[in-house]
Amino acid sequence: MSLEVWEPRARWRTPGRILNISRSGALVSAGAKLPKRESLWLRLDHPEQTPWLAARVVRIDRNGAFGIEFLDSASELYEAATHGIRFGNVLGSIQDSDD
């Protein structure tokens, strides 16, 4: 997973890993310290690359994992993370089979 952080003076990326996910947020580990309450964007790179999703850090647990709140619909990210699929691929295969 990639995380892109937008701070007032800088924009940077770091790798991350989803530890737990729901449709409204996730618990992630990151390659760098994420600033609490700053805007960030995240997406999965594997098994399917998903579109960037707006989010923010709402908590940091004692093990250094970050609680992320999704600010937009996370359906594609959630499905890709839990089932390894992307909606575009599923819809494309349904539309292709109608021909």
N, C-alpha and C. Protein backbone atom coordinates (compact mmCIF):
# COMPACT_ATOMS: atom_id res chain seq x y z
N MET A 1 0.85 -1.16 0.00
CA MET A 1 0.00 0.00 0.00
C MET A 1 0.90 1.22 0.00
N SER A 2 0.45 2.27 -0.68
CA SER A 2 1.16 3.55 -0.66
C SER A 2 0.34 4.57 0.11
N LEU A 3 1.02 5.38 0.89
CA LEU A 3 0.39 6.48 1.61
C LEU A 3 1.04 7.77 1.13
N GLU A 4 0.24 8.73 0.77
CA GLU A 4 0.76 10.04 0.40
C GLU A 4 0.24 11.06 1.40
N VAL A 5 1.14 11.76 2.05
CA VAL A 5 0.78 12.71 3.10
C VAL A 5 0.91 14.12 2.55
N TRP A 6 -0.11 14.93 2.81
CA TRP A 6 -0.10 16.33 2.39
C TRP A 6 -0.04 17.19 3.63
N GLU A 7 1.10 17.75 3.89
CA GLU A 7 1.28 18.67 5.00
C GLU A 7 1.31 20.09 4.43
N PRO A 8 1.15 21.11 5.27
CA PRO A 8 1.14 22.48 4.76
C PRO A 8 2.38 22.83 3.93
N ARG A 9 3.53 22.30 4.29
CA ARG A 9 4.76 22.68 3.58
C ARG A 9 5.38 21.57 2.74
N ALA A 10 4.80 20.40 2.79
CA ALA A 10 5.42 19.28 2.07
C ALA A 10 4.41 18.22 1.69
N ARG A 11 4.75 17.47 0.69
CA ARG A 11 3.96 16.32 0.26
C ARG A 11 4.95 15.17 0.07
N TRP A 12 4.67 14.03 0.70
CA TRP A 12 5.60 12.91 0.61
C TRP A 12 4.87 11.57 0.64
N ARG A 13 5.55 10.53 0.19
CA ARG A 13 4.98 9.18 0.17
C ARG A 13 5.78 8.24 1.04
N THR A 14 5.09 7.23 1.55
CA THR A 14 5.74 6.18 2.33
C THR A 14 4.98 4.87 2.09
N PRO A 15 5.66 3.75 2.13
CA PRO A 15 4.93 2.47 2.04
C PRO A 15 4.17 2.21 3.33
N GLY A 16 3.13 1.41 3.23
CA GLY A 16 2.34 1.06 4.40
C GLY A 16 1.77 -0.33 4.26
N ARG A 17 1.17 -0.81 5.33
CA ARG A 17 0.55 -2.13 5.33
C ARG A 17 -0.74 -2.07 6.12
N ILE A 18 -1.80 -2.62 5.58
CA ILE A 18 -3.09 -2.66 6.28
C ILE A 18 -3.05 -3.79 7.30
N LEU A 19 -3.33 -3.45 8.55
CA LEU A 19 -3.40 -4.44 9.62
C LEU A 19 -4.83 -4.89 9.86
N ASN A 20 -5.78 -3.97 9.65
CA ASN A 20 -7.20 -4.23 9.88
C ASN A 20 -7.95 -3.19 9.05
N ILE A 21 -9.08 -3.58 8.47
CA ILE A 21 -9.82 -2.63 7.62
C ILE A 21 -11.32 -2.81 7.79
N SER A 22 -12.04 -1.70 7.69
CA SER A 22 -13.50 -1.71 7.64
C SER A 22 -13.88 -0.75 6.51
N ARG A 23 -15.15 -0.56 6.29
CA ARG A 23 -15.57 0.36 5.23
C ARG A 23 -15.38 1.83 5.61
N SER A 24 -15.16 2.11 6.90
CA SER A 24 -15.01 3.50 7.33
C SER A 24 -13.57 3.87 7.71
N GLY A 25 -12.70 2.89 7.84
CA GLY A 25 -11.33 3.20 8.21
C GLY A 25 -10.46 1.96 8.27
N ALA A 26 -9.21 2.18 8.68
CA ALA A 26 -8.25 1.07 8.73
C ALA A 26 -7.21 1.34 9.80
N LEU A 27 -6.58 0.28 10.24
CA LEU A 27 -5.42 0.37 11.10
C LEU A 27 -4.24 -0.01 10.21
N VAL A 28 -3.25 0.86 10.11
CA VAL A 28 -2.13 0.62 9.20
C VAL A 28 -0.80 0.82 9.91
N SER A 29 0.21 0.12 9.40
CA SER A 29 1.58 0.42 9.79
C SER A 29 2.18 1.17 8.61
N ALA A 30 3.12 2.04 8.89
CA ALA A 30 3.70 2.85 7.84
C ALA A 30 5.21 2.90 7.98
N GLY A 31 5.89 3.19 6.87
CA GLY A 31 7.34 3.27 6.86
C GLY A 31 7.86 4.55 7.48
N ALA A 32 6.97 5.48 7.81
CA ALA A 32 7.35 6.75 8.44
C ALA A 32 6.25 7.16 9.40
N LYS A 33 6.58 8.08 10.30
CA LYS A 33 5.58 8.58 11.24
C LYS A 33 4.58 9.46 10.48
N LEU A 34 3.31 9.16 10.66
CA LEU A 34 2.25 9.94 10.00
C LEU A 34 1.75 11.01 10.96
N PRO A 35 1.59 12.23 10.49
CA PRO A 35 1.11 13.30 11.37
C PRO A 35 -0.38 13.15 11.65
N LYS A 36 -0.76 13.24 12.91
CA LYS A 36 -2.17 13.12 13.29
C LYS A 36 -2.96 14.30 12.75
N ARG A 37 -4.14 14.01 12.23
CA ARG A 37 -5.10 14.97 11.70
C ARG A 37 -4.72 15.59 10.36
N GLU A 38 -3.56 15.26 9.80
CA GLU A 38 -3.21 15.79 8.48
C GLU A 38 -3.94 14.99 7.41
N SER A 39 -4.19 15.64 6.30
CA SER A 39 -4.79 14.96 5.15
C SER A 39 -3.77 13.99 4.56
N LEU A 40 -4.26 12.86 4.15
CA LEU A 40 -3.41 11.95 3.42
C LEU A 40 -4.23 11.20 2.40
N TRP A 41 -3.55 10.62 1.46
CA TRP A 41 -4.18 9.83 0.41
C TRP A 41 -3.57 8.44 0.49
N LEU A 42 -4.38 7.43 0.27
CA LEU A 42 -3.83 6.09 0.26
C LEU A 42 -4.44 5.27 -0.85
N ARG A 43 -3.67 4.27 -1.26
CA ARG A 43 -4.17 3.32 -2.27
C ARG A 43 -3.42 2.02 -2.12
N LEU A 44 -4.04 0.96 -2.58
CA LEU A 44 -3.36 -0.33 -2.64
C LEU A 44 -2.57 -0.39 -3.93
N ASP A 45 -1.41 -1.00 -3.86
CA ASP A 45 -0.61 -1.23 -5.06
C ASP A 45 -0.77 -2.68 -5.53
N HIS A 46 -1.04 -3.59 -4.56
CA HIS A 46 -1.18 -5.02 -4.87
C HIS A 46 -2.28 -5.59 -3.99
N PRO A 47 -3.05 -6.56 -4.35
CA PRO A 47 -3.00 -7.31 -5.60
C PRO A 47 -3.55 -6.52 -6.79
N GLU A 48 -4.36 -5.52 -6.52
CA GLU A 48 -4.88 -4.63 -7.57
C GLU A 48 -4.59 -3.20 -7.15
N GLN A 49 -4.18 -2.37 -8.10
CA GLN A 49 -3.99 -0.96 -7.77
C GLN A 49 -5.35 -0.28 -7.75
N THR A 50 -5.61 0.43 -6.66
CA THR A 50 -6.89 1.13 -6.50
C THR A 50 -6.67 2.63 -6.68
N PRO A 51 -7.74 3.37 -6.92
CA PRO A 51 -7.61 4.84 -6.99
C PRO A 51 -7.20 5.39 -5.62
N TRP A 52 -6.61 6.58 -5.61
CA TRP A 52 -6.25 7.25 -4.36
C TRP A 52 -7.52 7.56 -3.57
N LEU A 53 -7.46 7.41 -2.26
CA LEU A 53 -8.59 7.63 -1.37
C LEU A 53 -8.19 8.63 -0.29
N ALA A 54 -9.01 9.67 -0.11
CA ALA A 54 -8.74 10.68 0.92
C ALA A 54 -8.98 10.09 2.31
N ALA A 55 -8.09 10.43 3.25
CA ALA A 55 -8.19 9.91 4.61
C ALA A 55 -7.45 10.85 5.56
N ARG A 56 -7.53 10.52 6.85
CA ARG A 56 -6.74 11.25 7.85
C ARG A 56 -6.44 10.33 9.02
N VAL A 57 -5.36 10.61 9.70
CA VAL A 57 -4.97 9.84 10.88
C VAL A 57 -5.78 10.36 12.06
N VAL A 58 -6.48 9.45 12.75
CA VAL A 58 -7.29 9.86 13.90
C VAL A 58 -6.72 9.36 15.23
N ARG A 59 -5.82 8.37 15.17
CA ARG A 59 -5.20 7.91 16.41
C ARG A 59 -3.92 7.15 16.09
N ILE A 60 -3.09 7.04 17.10
CA ILE A 60 -1.85 6.27 17.01
C ILE A 60 -1.85 5.34 18.21
N ASP A 61 -1.76 4.03 17.96
CA ASP A 61 -1.83 3.11 19.10
C ASP A 61 -0.45 2.92 19.74
N ARG A 62 -0.40 2.21 20.84
CA ARG A 62 0.85 2.07 21.60
C ARG A 62 1.93 1.30 20.85
N ASN A 63 1.54 0.54 19.82
CA ASN A 63 2.50 -0.20 19.01
C ASN A 63 2.98 0.60 17.80
N GLY A 64 2.49 1.83 17.67
CA GLY A 64 2.92 2.68 16.56
C GLY A 64 2.07 2.54 15.31
N ALA A 65 0.98 1.78 15.36
CA ALA A 65 0.08 1.67 14.21
C ALA A 65 -0.84 2.89 14.19
N PHE A 66 -1.30 3.24 13.01
CA PHE A 66 -2.09 4.44 12.80
C PHE A 66 -3.54 4.09 12.48
N GLY A 67 -4.47 4.70 13.21
CA GLY A 67 -5.89 4.57 12.91
C GLY A 67 -6.24 5.60 11.86
N ILE A 68 -6.73 5.14 10.72
CA ILE A 68 -7.04 6.00 9.58
C ILE A 68 -8.55 6.06 9.39
N GLU A 69 -9.09 7.25 9.23
CA GLU A 69 -10.50 7.43 8.90
C GLU A 69 -10.59 7.78 7.42
N PHE A 70 -11.41 7.03 6.67
CA PHE A 70 -11.62 7.34 5.25
C PHE A 70 -12.56 8.53 5.14
N LEU A 71 -12.24 9.46 4.25
CA LEU A 71 -13.08 10.64 4.07
C LEU A 71 -13.99 10.53 2.85
N ASP A 72 -13.78 9.51 2.05
CA ASP A 72 -14.62 9.22 0.88
C ASP A 72 -15.04 7.76 0.95
N SER A 73 -15.86 7.34 0.01
CA SER A 73 -16.26 5.93 -0.05
C SER A 73 -15.03 5.06 -0.28
N ALA A 74 -14.90 4.03 0.52
CA ALA A 74 -13.74 3.14 0.43
C ALA A 74 -14.09 1.79 -0.17
N SER A 75 -15.18 1.71 -0.92
CA SER A 75 -15.63 0.42 -1.44
C SER A 75 -14.56 -0.30 -2.25
N GLU A 76 -13.92 0.40 -3.18
CA GLU A 76 -12.91 -0.26 -4.02
C GLU A 76 -11.72 -0.71 -3.20
N LEU A 77 -11.25 0.14 -2.32
CA LEU A 77 -10.11 -0.21 -1.48
C LEU A 77 -10.47 -1.39 -0.57
N TYR A 78 -11.64 -1.35 0.03
CA TYR A 78 -12.09 -2.42 0.92
C TYR A 78 -12.16 -3.76 0.17
N GLU A 79 -12.79 -3.77 -0.99
CA GLU A 79 -12.93 -5.01 -1.77
C GLU A 79 -11.58 -5.53 -2.23
N ALA A 80 -10.71 -4.63 -2.67
CA ALA A 80 -9.38 -5.06 -3.11
C ALA A 80 -8.58 -5.62 -1.94
N ALA A 81 -8.68 -4.98 -0.77
CA ALA A 81 -7.92 -5.43 0.40
C ALA A 81 -8.45 -6.75 0.95
N THR A 82 -9.76 -6.95 0.93
CA THR A 82 -10.33 -8.15 1.55
C THR A 82 -10.52 -9.31 0.58
N HIS A 83 -10.71 -8.99 -0.72
CA HIS A 83 -10.98 -10.06 -1.70
C HIS A 83 -10.01 -10.08 -2.87
N GLY A 84 -9.12 -9.10 -2.93
CA GLY A 84 -8.15 -9.06 -4.02
C GLY A 84 -8.75 -8.69 -5.36
N ILE A 85 -9.92 -8.01 -5.34
CA ILE A 85 -10.55 -7.61 -6.60
C ILE A 85 -10.79 -6.11 -6.61
N ARG A 86 -11.02 -5.61 -7.79
CA ARG A 86 -11.35 -4.20 -7.97
C ARG A 86 -12.66 -4.12 -8.72
N PHE A 87 -13.56 -3.22 -8.31
CA PHE A 87 -14.89 -3.12 -8.93
C PHE A 87 -14.80 -2.97 -10.44
N GLY A 88 -13.87 -2.17 -10.93
CA GLY A 88 -13.72 -1.98 -12.37
C GLY A 88 -13.51 -3.29 -13.10
N ASN A 89 -12.74 -4.20 -12.50
CA ASN A 89 -12.48 -5.50 -13.11
C ASN A 89 -13.74 -6.36 -13.11
N VAL A 90 -14.49 -6.33 -12.02
CA VAL A 90 -15.72 -7.12 -11.94
C VAL A 90 -16.75 -6.58 -12.92
N LEU A 91 -16.96 -5.29 -12.93
CA LEU A 91 -17.95 -4.70 -13.84
C LEU A 91 -17.54 -4.89 -15.28
N GLY A 92 -16.27 -4.79 -15.56
CA GLY A 92 -15.80 -5.02 -16.93
C GLY A 92 -16.09 -6.43 -17.39
N SER A 93 -15.89 -7.43 -16.53
CA SER A 93 -16.15 -8.81 -16.92
C SER A 93 -17.64 -9.06 -17.10
N ILE A 94 -18.49 -8.40 -16.30
CA ILE A 94 -19.94 -8.56 -16.47
C ILE A 94 -20.37 -7.92 -17.79
N GLN A 95 -19.88 -6.72 -18.07
CA GLN A 95 -20.23 -6.05 -19.32
C GLN A 95 -19.71 -6.81 -20.52
N ASP A 96 -18.50 -7.37 -20.43
CA ASP A 96 -17.94 -8.12 -21.55
C ASP A 96 -18.74 -9.39 -21.83
N SER A 97 -19.29 -10.02 -20.82
CA SER A 97 -20.01 -11.28 -21.01
C SER A 97 -21.37 -11.07 -21.68
N ASP A 98 -21.88 -9.82 -21.68
CA ASP A 98 -23.17 -9.56 -22.32
C ASP A 98 -23.07 -9.51 -23.84
N ASP A 99 -21.87 -9.35 -24.36
CA ASP A 99 -21.72 -9.21 -25.83
C ASP A 99 -21.88 -10.51 -26.56
